[in-house]
Amino acid sequence: MKKPSVNRLKKPSPDRKTFGSAGRTLGYPAVVAATLALAIVMGWTGFASQIDDDAYDVLFRLRPPAAAPAHSMILAIDDATFGAMGGVRAYRTMLAQALQTLAAAGPQVVAIDMVLADRTDRADDDRLSRAMQATKNLVLVSHLQNGVENGLQNVRWEDPIAEFRRWAAGLGHNQADELSRDGVTRKIPLEERAAGERRWALALEAFRVARGTRILESPEDLQVGPETIPAPRSTNRAVRVMFTREPIPEISLLDLTKDPELAGRFRGQAVFIGVTSLDASYDRVATPYGQGRIPGVEVNAQLFETLERGKFLVDASNLGSLSFSVAAGVLAGLIFGLLTGWLAYTAAGALLITVTAAPYVFFREGIVFPFFAPLASAWLPAIAAASYQHFAVRRALRRAETERRHYQQAIHFVTHEMRTPLTAIQGSSELMGRWPA
């Protein structure tokens, strides 16, 4: 029996095509994962946060809070009052007159959004103190002073002087979101701490005093009476202010002085007293509506209305946003990994439309969802996957054309080699036919 040759028993070695297929199999998910990771990291940058804020402003303008009866009013020291009643030096005289006029009207709560941390004329201070004593449910402001003292950063509370503070049912801070990237106030921290002391927001203190209850705390929310406020401790209890398109009802102190009958409109309302004069107010802030600035006293009144209505916008959790982004990126990779041609591009288009519309859908449900990270997590992997598959197909096409060309060359060579002996045979046959033996 013939012994098998060694060449027939030798195991064939893997060819280049096998290694190329393995490289494509590993390379595709690596490219998708890298672009997905890049998109998620970009979602934590300041640029992405600004885009998220701009998208929030657009959604807020598209779906503003529904109109509802106001529970608060502003007693304003406007330009006319500021000019006619004595200016800055007469602030405490103005406040005393305002409180005396309001006392007979019976407002629910009175919040003064003016810093009263310094002593002035003794007679003016005494008059204001007596007016405060006669005012029920009075809330005063405690200003967070951030300055430099002896070369060191010094953060402390500027509280009202003792003569005024003794009559206050609550002290609240007047800090808005002044440190936002673009200067727009979207949130207000309900809690601020400095020098070992904590202050609730002026509007929250007014809300608590008006309800006649106390604030119960948990890590994720606050409870004032039956109302639960979604304000996590990790964010300084920040709450998104539901600014209304209609301004808070306002009466000028000068008009109230001329017509004391106007005081009846404050009955049963939360009254915020503050400066609205363009020349004298230093705390004018921008809102998501992008239509000029409003005075700080109106921001506090808007926050009070937000608490009173009890309808809040809450931010999506970091885990939920991350999961959504990862799912969008993985789905984009699967689409181009499993589908080809127009089916792949149609499915990818549907995915991108869904991810783009997701923030609006969540906003309708009262959830503020990030815009940049999910969209980037869908777009970048989709572009990378489509590009990878496109170039992979082109590479395979070039390889197929090269192999076809090599095959044609081989066939041509074989045909040529076979033609040579056939030509000799044909010649011999012709000679034999012409000269037979």
Protein backbone atom coordinates (compact mmCIF):
# COMPACT_ATOMS: atom_id res chain seq x y z
CA MET A 1 0.00 0.00 0.00
CA LYS A 2 1.26 3.45 -0.95
CA LYS A 3 2.32 5.54 2.04
CA PRO A 4 0.58 8.93 2.22
CA SER A 5 2.84 11.82 1.52
CA VAL A 6 3.82 14.24 4.27
CA ASN A 7 2.29 17.13 2.30
CA ARG A 8 -1.16 15.51 2.37
CA LEU A 9 -1.06 15.10 6.19
CA LYS A 10 0.20 18.63 6.91
CA LYS A 11 -2.42 20.96 8.45
CA PRO A 12 -3.07 23.95 6.20
CA SER A 13 -2.01 27.29 7.69
CA PRO A 14 -4.54 30.09 8.02
CA ASP A 15 -4.46 32.50 5.15
CA ARG A 16 -4.54 36.29 5.13
CA LYS A 17 -8.26 36.44 4.54
CA THR A 18 -8.95 34.72 7.88
CA PHE A 19 -6.83 37.25 9.78
CA GLY A 20 -8.45 40.14 7.88
CA SER A 21 -11.95 38.99 8.87
CA ALA A 22 -10.91 38.72 12.51
CA GLY A 23 -9.48 42.23 12.37
CA ARG A 24 -12.73 43.61 11.04
CA THR A 25 -14.72 41.74 13.68
CA LEU A 26 -12.67 43.26 16.50
CA GLY A 27 -12.15 46.67 14.93
CA TYR A 28 -15.80 47.56 14.41
CA PRO A 29 -16.94 47.34 18.07
CA ALA A 30 -13.70 49.06 19.12
CA VAL A 31 -14.45 52.05 16.87
CA VAL A 32 -18.07 52.28 18.08
CA ALA A 33 -17.03 52.02 21.74
CA ALA A 34 -14.33 54.69 21.33
CA THR A 35 -16.70 57.21 19.74
CA LEU A 36 -19.37 56.46 22.35
CA ALA A 37 -16.87 57.08 25.15
CA LEU A 38 -15.80 60.34 23.48
CA ALA A 39 -19.42 61.50 23.24
CA ILE A 40 -20.08 60.76 26.93
CA VAL A 41 -16.91 62.57 28.03
CA MET A 42 -17.84 65.58 25.87
CA GLY A 43 -21.22 65.66 27.62
CA TRP A 44 -19.49 66.72 30.86
CA THR A 45 -17.75 69.75 29.35
CA GLY A 46 -18.79 73.38 29.80
CA PHE A 47 -19.60 73.61 26.09
CA ALA A 48 -22.10 70.74 26.38
CA SER A 49 -23.61 72.23 29.54
CA GLN A 50 -24.19 75.54 27.77
CA ILE A 51 -25.93 73.74 24.90
CA ASP A 52 -28.09 71.89 27.45
CA ASP A 53 -29.01 75.24 29.06
CA ASP A 54 -29.86 76.79 25.70
CA ALA A 55 -32.00 73.78 24.81
CA TYR A 56 -33.75 74.08 28.19
CA ASP A 57 -34.54 77.74 27.48
CA VAL A 58 -36.05 76.83 24.11
CA LEU A 59 -38.19 74.09 25.66
CA PHE A 60 -39.23 76.42 28.49
CA ARG A 61 -40.40 79.02 26.00
CA LEU A 62 -42.27 76.35 24.03
CA ARG A 63 -44.03 75.04 27.14
CA PRO A 64 -44.22 77.82 29.76
CA PRO A 65 -46.18 77.32 33.00
CA ALA A 66 -49.90 77.55 32.55
CA ALA A 67 -51.49 80.83 33.60
CA ALA A 68 -52.89 80.74 37.13
CA PRO A 69 -54.10 83.27 39.73
CA ALA A 70 -51.16 84.87 41.53
CA HIS A 71 -50.69 84.30 45.26
CA SER A 72 -48.16 87.09 45.66
CA MET A 73 -47.73 90.77 44.86
CA ILE A 74 -44.83 93.20 44.72
CA LEU A 75 -44.83 96.50 46.56
CA ALA A 76 -42.26 98.25 44.42
CA ILE A 77 -39.87 101.08 45.08
CA ASP A 78 -39.72 102.02 41.42
CA ASP A 79 -38.15 104.96 39.63
CA ALA A 80 -41.06 107.27 40.45
CA THR A 81 -41.00 106.29 44.14
CA PHE A 82 -37.24 106.52 44.28
CA GLY A 83 -37.29 110.07 42.90
CA ALA A 84 -40.32 111.41 44.77
CA MET A 85 -39.75 109.97 48.27
CA GLY A 86 -36.14 110.84 48.96
CA GLY A 87 -33.92 108.24 47.29
CA VAL A 88 -31.50 105.93 49.08
CA ARG A 89 -31.37 107.97 52.29
CA ALA A 90 -35.12 107.57 52.77
CA TYR A 91 -35.33 103.78 52.32
CA ARG A 92 -36.26 103.09 55.94
CA THR A 93 -38.82 105.86 55.96
CA MET A 94 -40.34 104.32 52.83
CA LEU A 95 -40.41 100.86 54.42
CA ALA A 96 -42.02 102.14 57.60
CA GLN A 97 -44.72 103.90 55.63
CA ALA A 98 -45.29 100.81 53.48
CA LEU A 99 -45.66 98.51 56.52
CA GLN A 100 -48.00 100.90 58.28
CA THR A 101 -50.25 101.07 55.22
CA LEU A 102 -50.20 97.30 54.72
CA ALA A 103 -51.00 96.48 58.35
CA ALA A 104 -54.68 97.33 57.94
CA ALA A 105 -54.97 95.26 54.72
CA GLY A 106 -54.02 91.96 56.39
CA PRO A 107 -51.54 90.37 53.96
CA GLN A 108 -50.73 86.71 54.45
CA VAL A 109 -46.99 87.34 54.79
CA VAL A 110 -44.68 90.30 54.17
CA ALA A 111 -41.13 89.69 52.88
CA ILE A 112 -38.71 92.60 52.67
CA ASP A 113 -36.04 92.03 50.01
CA MET A 114 -33.76 94.82 51.21
CA VAL A 115 -30.60 94.49 53.31
CA LEU A 116 -31.05 96.15 56.71
CA ALA A 117 -27.71 95.27 58.26
CA ASP A 118 -26.52 98.79 59.11
CA ARG A 119 -27.77 101.43 61.51
CA THR A 120 -28.88 104.78 60.15
CA ASP A 121 -30.69 107.71 61.72
CA ARG A 122 -31.98 106.69 65.13
CA ALA A 123 -35.44 108.14 64.57
CA ASP A 124 -35.82 106.33 61.21
CA ASP A 125 -34.69 103.03 62.75
CA ASP A 126 -37.14 103.40 65.66
CA ARG A 127 -40.03 104.20 63.34
CA LEU A 128 -39.27 101.18 61.15
CA SER A 129 -38.91 98.94 64.21
CA ARG A 130 -42.36 99.95 65.46
CA ALA A 131 -43.84 99.29 62.00
CA MET A 132 -42.25 95.85 61.96
CA GLN A 133 -43.61 95.09 65.41
CA ALA A 134 -47.11 95.75 64.13
CA THR A 135 -46.62 93.53 61.06
CA LYS A 136 -47.65 89.89 61.30
CA ASN A 137 -45.67 87.18 59.52
CA LEU A 138 -42.70 89.35 58.65
CA VAL A 139 -39.73 87.80 56.80
CA LEU A 140 -36.44 89.68 56.43
CA VAL A 141 -33.52 89.08 54.12
CA SER A 142 -30.08 87.88 55.19
CA HIS A 143 -27.48 88.74 52.55
CA LEU A 144 -24.50 86.49 51.83
CA GLN A 145 -21.49 88.78 51.80
CA ASN A 146 -18.48 87.46 49.91
CA GLY A 147 -15.40 89.65 50.27
CA VAL A 148 -11.75 89.83 51.21
CA GLU A 149 -10.63 90.72 54.72
CA ASN A 150 -6.96 90.90 55.76
CA GLY A 151 -5.99 89.22 52.52
CA LEU A 152 -8.29 86.23 53.14
CA GLN A 153 -11.57 85.27 51.55
CA ASN A 154 -14.35 86.04 53.99
CA VAL A 155 -17.88 84.75 53.50
CA ARG A 156 -20.40 85.77 56.12
CA TRP A 157 -24.04 86.60 56.62
CA GLU A 158 -25.23 90.20 56.75
CA ASP A 159 -28.23 89.87 59.05
CA PRO A 160 -30.68 92.66 59.94
CA ILE A 161 -29.76 94.62 63.02
CA ALA A 162 -31.07 93.22 66.31
CA GLU A 163 -33.86 95.83 66.57
CA PHE A 164 -35.37 94.56 63.32
CA ARG A 165 -34.53 90.90 63.61
CA ARG A 166 -36.44 90.51 66.85
CA TRP A 167 -39.74 91.09 65.02
CA ALA A 168 -39.04 88.71 62.12
CA ALA A 169 -40.80 85.36 61.86
CA GLY A 170 -38.04 84.18 59.51
CA LEU A 171 -34.76 85.10 57.81
CA GLY A 172 -34.09 84.11 54.23
CA HIS A 173 -31.26 84.56 51.76
CA ASN A 174 -31.71 86.35 48.46
CA GLN A 175 -29.12 84.46 46.38
CA ALA A 176 -30.12 83.72 42.79
CA ASP A 177 -28.22 81.62 40.26
CA GLU A 178 -25.72 84.41 39.73
CA LEU A 179 -22.89 81.97 38.95
CA SER A 180 -24.56 80.37 35.95
CA ARG A 181 -22.40 80.14 32.82
CA ASP A 182 -24.39 82.72 30.87
CA GLY A 183 -25.88 84.80 33.67
CA VAL A 184 -29.40 83.39 33.22
CA THR A 185 -31.23 82.49 36.41
CA ARG A 186 -32.85 79.10 35.95
CA LYS A 187 -32.46 77.73 39.48
CA ILE A 188 -32.38 79.12 42.98
CA PRO A 189 -30.73 77.24 45.85
CA LEU A 190 -33.23 76.87 48.66
CA GLU A 191 -30.36 76.41 51.09
CA GLU A 192 -27.14 78.38 51.59
CA ARG A 193 -24.49 77.88 54.26
CA ALA A 194 -21.75 80.25 55.44
CA ALA A 195 -19.75 80.64 58.63
CA GLY A 196 -21.43 77.58 60.08
CA GLU A 197 -24.95 79.00 59.65
CA ARG A 198 -27.69 77.91 57.27
CA ARG A 199 -30.30 80.14 55.65
CA TRP A 200 -33.30 79.05 53.62
CA ALA A 201 -34.30 81.08 50.56
CA LEU A 202 -36.40 84.17 51.22
CA ALA A 203 -39.29 82.77 49.17
CA LEU A 204 -39.15 79.43 51.01
CA GLU A 205 -39.21 81.20 54.39
CA ALA A 206 -42.18 83.28 53.24
CA PHE A 207 -43.89 80.10 52.03
CA ARG A 208 -43.23 78.36 55.36
CA VAL A 209 -44.51 81.31 57.40
CA ALA A 210 -47.59 81.64 55.20
CA ARG A 211 -48.39 77.94 55.74
CA GLY A 212 -47.73 78.25 59.48
CA THR A 213 -45.60 75.13 59.63
CA ARG A 214 -41.96 74.06 59.65
CA ILE A 215 -39.63 72.57 57.06
CA LEU A 216 -38.96 68.83 57.20
CA GLU A 217 -35.78 67.66 55.50
CA SER A 218 -34.65 64.48 53.78
CA PRO A 219 -31.66 63.88 51.48
CA GLU A 220 -33.81 64.15 48.36
CA ASP A 221 -36.56 66.64 49.19
CA LEU A 222 -38.14 69.12 51.58
CA GLN A 223 -41.63 68.99 52.99
CA VAL A 224 -43.62 72.06 53.99
CA GLY A 225 -46.96 70.97 55.33
CA PRO A 226 -48.54 68.60 52.79
CA GLU A 227 -46.31 69.79 49.95
CA THR A 228 -43.13 67.95 48.94
CA ILE A 229 -40.44 69.96 47.16
CA PRO A 230 -37.98 67.89 45.06
CA ALA A 231 -34.74 69.55 46.15
CA PRO A 232 -31.76 67.20 46.71
CA ARG A 233 -29.25 68.15 49.37
CA SER A 234 -26.41 67.45 46.92
CA THR A 235 -27.44 70.51 44.85
CA ASN A 236 -27.91 72.98 47.73
CA ARG A 237 -31.62 72.18 47.42
CA ALA A 238 -31.70 73.94 44.03
CA VAL A 239 -35.14 74.33 42.46
CA ARG A 240 -35.90 75.40 38.90
CA VAL A 241 -38.02 78.54 38.97
CA MET A 242 -41.20 78.23 36.90
CA PHE A 243 -41.18 81.79 35.57
CA THR A 244 -44.54 82.89 34.23
CA ARG A 245 -44.89 84.92 31.05
CA GLU A 246 -47.08 87.37 32.92
CA PRO A 247 -45.17 89.51 35.46
CA ILE A 248 -46.06 89.31 39.14
CA PRO A 249 -48.77 91.90 39.98
CA GLU A 250 -47.08 95.06 41.20
CA ILE A 251 -48.10 98.30 42.90
CA SER A 252 -45.77 101.23 43.30
CA LEU A 253 -45.17 102.48 46.84
CA LEU A 254 -45.71 105.99 45.56
CA ASP A 255 -49.13 105.02 44.18
CA LEU A 256 -49.99 103.28 47.46
CA THR A 257 -49.02 106.40 49.40
CA LYS A 258 -51.22 108.57 47.20
CA ASP A 259 -54.14 106.12 47.27
CA PRO A 260 -54.20 104.02 50.50
CA GLU A 261 -57.30 102.21 49.16
CA LEU A 262 -54.95 100.20 46.95
CA ALA A 263 -53.83 98.36 50.10
CA GLY A 264 -56.96 96.21 49.85
CA ARG A 265 -55.44 94.40 46.87
CA PHE A 266 -52.76 92.98 49.18
CA ARG A 267 -55.28 91.25 51.44
CA GLY A 268 -54.47 87.55 51.85
CA GLN A 269 -51.47 87.82 49.54
CA ALA A 270 -47.77 87.26 50.04
CA VAL A 271 -46.25 90.72 49.68
CA PHE A 272 -42.65 91.16 48.54
CA ILE A 273 -41.24 94.63 49.14
CA GLY A 274 -38.17 95.58 47.13
CA VAL A 275 -36.44 97.96 44.77
CA THR A 276 -37.39 97.75 41.10
CA SER A 277 -35.86 101.09 40.05
CA LEU A 278 -33.44 100.71 37.17
CA ASP A 279 -31.14 103.27 38.77
CA ALA A 280 -31.11 101.77 42.26
CA SER A 281 -31.47 97.98 41.88
CA TYR A 282 -28.22 96.03 41.57
CA ASP A 283 -29.64 92.51 41.37
CA ARG A 284 -31.44 92.44 38.05
CA VAL A 285 -31.27 88.98 36.48
CA ALA A 286 -32.02 87.35 33.14
CA THR A 287 -34.63 84.60 32.75
CA PRO A 288 -35.06 81.75 30.22
CA TYR A 289 -37.44 83.93 28.21
CA GLY A 290 -34.51 86.09 27.10
CA GLN A 291 -36.56 89.31 27.16
CA GLY A 292 -34.51 91.69 29.25
CA ARG A 293 -33.89 91.44 32.99
CA ILE A 294 -36.17 91.49 35.99
CA PRO A 295 -35.42 92.77 39.51
CA GLY A 296 -34.38 90.36 42.23
CA VAL A 297 -37.55 90.96 44.22
CA GLU A 298 -39.59 89.60 41.31
CA VAL A 299 -37.36 86.52 41.11
CA ASN A 300 -38.18 85.81 44.76
CA ALA A 301 -41.87 86.30 44.07
CA GLN A 302 -41.64 83.94 41.07
CA LEU A 303 -40.01 81.30 43.27
CA PHE A 304 -42.80 81.74 45.82
CA GLU A 305 -45.36 81.18 43.04
CA THR A 306 -43.46 78.04 41.98
CA LEU A 307 -43.67 76.68 45.53
CA GLU A 308 -47.31 77.69 45.84
CA ARG A 309 -48.37 75.94 42.62
CA GLY A 310 -46.49 72.78 43.61
CA LYS A 311 -45.52 71.83 40.04
CA PHE A 312 -41.78 71.39 39.59
CA LEU A 313 -39.27 70.53 36.92
CA VAL A 314 -36.76 67.93 38.12
CA ASP A 315 -33.42 67.05 36.54
CA ALA A 316 -32.94 63.56 35.15
CA SER A 317 -30.57 61.45 37.22
CA ASN A 318 -26.97 61.06 36.07
CA LEU A 319 -27.42 57.30 35.89
CA GLY A 320 -30.55 57.63 33.77
CA SER A 321 -28.86 60.06 31.36
CA LEU A 322 -25.78 57.83 31.10
CA SER A 323 -27.87 54.70 30.47
CA PHE A 324 -29.85 56.45 27.75
CA SER A 325 -26.66 57.68 26.07
CA VAL A 326 -25.03 54.25 26.17
CA ALA A 327 -28.18 52.62 24.78
CA ALA A 328 -28.29 55.14 21.91
CA GLY A 329 -24.64 54.51 21.02
CA VAL A 330 -24.93 50.71 21.20
CA LEU A 331 -28.08 50.76 19.08
CA ALA A 332 -26.32 52.89 16.46
CA GLY A 333 -23.54 50.30 16.32
CA LEU A 334 -25.96 47.40 16.03
CA ILE A 335 -27.87 49.07 13.21
CA PHE A 336 -24.85 49.31 10.94
CA GLY A 337 -23.50 45.98 12.16
CA LEU A 338 -26.64 44.02 11.31
CA LEU A 339 -28.21 46.02 8.47
CA THR A 340 -26.91 47.27 5.16
CA GLY A 341 -27.92 49.77 2.50
CA TRP A 342 -31.02 51.88 2.80
CA LEU A 343 -32.37 49.79 5.68
CA ALA A 344 -29.38 50.74 7.84
CA TYR A 345 -29.60 54.44 7.01
CA THR A 346 -33.37 54.52 7.53
CA ALA A 347 -33.04 52.88 10.94
CA ALA A 348 -30.18 55.25 11.88
CA GLY A 349 -32.29 58.26 10.85
CA ALA A 350 -35.17 57.03 13.01
CA LEU A 351 -32.77 56.63 15.94
CA LEU A 352 -31.39 60.16 15.56
CA ILE A 353 -34.90 61.65 15.34
CA THR A 354 -35.94 59.76 18.48
CA VAL A 355 -32.90 60.89 20.46
CA THR A 356 -33.37 64.51 19.33
CA ALA A 357 -37.03 64.49 20.37
CA ALA A 358 -36.40 62.76 23.71
CA PRO A 359 -35.66 65.96 25.73
CA TYR A 360 -38.98 67.47 24.63
CA VAL A 361 -40.88 64.29 25.52
CA PHE A 362 -39.26 64.20 28.96
CA PHE A 363 -39.87 67.94 29.44
CA ARG A 364 -43.60 67.39 28.91
CA GLU A 365 -43.45 64.98 31.85
CA GLY A 366 -41.64 67.48 34.07
CA ILE A 367 -38.15 66.01 33.64
CA VAL A 368 -35.22 68.09 32.39
CA PHE A 369 -33.15 65.73 30.25
CA PRO A 370 -29.72 66.65 28.84
CA PHE A 371 -29.62 67.40 25.15
CA PHE A 372 -25.97 67.19 24.10
CA ALA A 373 -24.72 63.88 25.55
CA PRO A 374 -27.51 61.59 24.21
CA LEU A 375 -27.45 63.27 20.81
CA ALA A 376 -23.67 63.03 20.55
CA SER A 377 -23.84 59.41 21.75
CA ALA A 378 -26.12 58.60 18.83
CA TRP A 379 -24.50 60.75 16.13
CA LEU A 380 -20.82 59.98 16.67
CA PRO A 381 -21.14 56.14 16.82
CA ALA A 382 -23.57 56.23 13.87
CA ILE A 383 -21.15 58.27 11.74
CA ALA A 384 -18.21 56.12 12.83
CA ALA A 385 -20.08 52.86 12.19
CA ALA A 386 -21.34 53.96 8.78
CA SER A 387 -17.87 55.18 7.79
CA TYR A 388 -16.22 51.99 9.04
CA GLN A 389 -18.62 49.77 7.12
CA HIS A 390 -18.27 51.92 4.01
CA PHE A 391 -14.50 51.67 3.99
CA ALA A 392 -14.65 47.97 4.93
CA VAL A 393 -16.89 47.29 1.93
CA ARG A 394 -14.60 49.28 -0.34
CA ARG A 395 -11.61 47.35 0.97
CA ALA A 396 -13.41 44.05 0.36
CA LEU A 397 -14.37 45.23 -3.13
CA ARG A 398 -10.79 46.13 -3.94
CA ARG A 399 -9.63 42.72 -2.67
CA ALA A 400 -12.29 40.97 -4.79
CA GLU A 401 -11.26 42.93 -7.87
CA THR A 402 -7.61 42.10 -7.22
CA GLU A 403 -8.42 38.40 -6.82
CA ARG A 404 -10.53 38.47 -10.00
CA ARG A 405 -7.69 40.11 -11.89
CA HIS A 406 -5.23 37.50 -10.58
CA TYR A 407 -7.67 34.75 -11.61
CA GLN A 408 -7.98 36.15 -15.09
CA GLN A 409 -4.23 36.37 -15.39
CA ALA A 410 -3.88 32.76 -14.24
CA ILE A 411 -6.48 31.57 -16.75
CA HIS A 412 -4.75 33.54 -19.47
CA PHE A 413 -1.43 31.95 -18.52
CA VAL A 414 -2.87 28.43 -18.46
CA THR A 415 -4.60 28.99 -21.78
CA HIS A 416 -1.38 30.25 -23.30
CA GLU A 417 0.59 27.29 -21.96
CA MET A 418 -1.99 24.83 -23.25
CA ARG A 419 -2.04 26.51 -26.64
CA THR A 420 1.71 25.90 -27.23
CA PRO A 421 1.63 22.03 -27.44
CA LEU A 422 -1.67 22.11 -29.29
CA THR A 423 -0.10 24.31 -31.92
CA ALA A 424 2.73 21.79 -32.39
CA ILE A 425 0.29 18.89 -32.64
CA GLN A 426 -1.82 20.81 -35.16
CA GLY A 427 1.28 21.56 -37.26
CA SER A 428 2.35 17.93 -37.24
CA SER A 429 -1.11 16.82 -38.25
CA GLU A 430 -1.11 19.22 -41.19
CA LEU A 431 2.31 17.99 -42.36
CA MET A 432 1.22 14.37 -42.12
CA GLY A 433 -1.89 15.19 -44.07
CA ARG A 434 0.01 16.85 -46.92
CA TRP A 435 2.75 14.26 -47.30
CA PRO A 436 1.38 10.93 -46.35
CA ALA A 437 3.92 8.15 -45.89
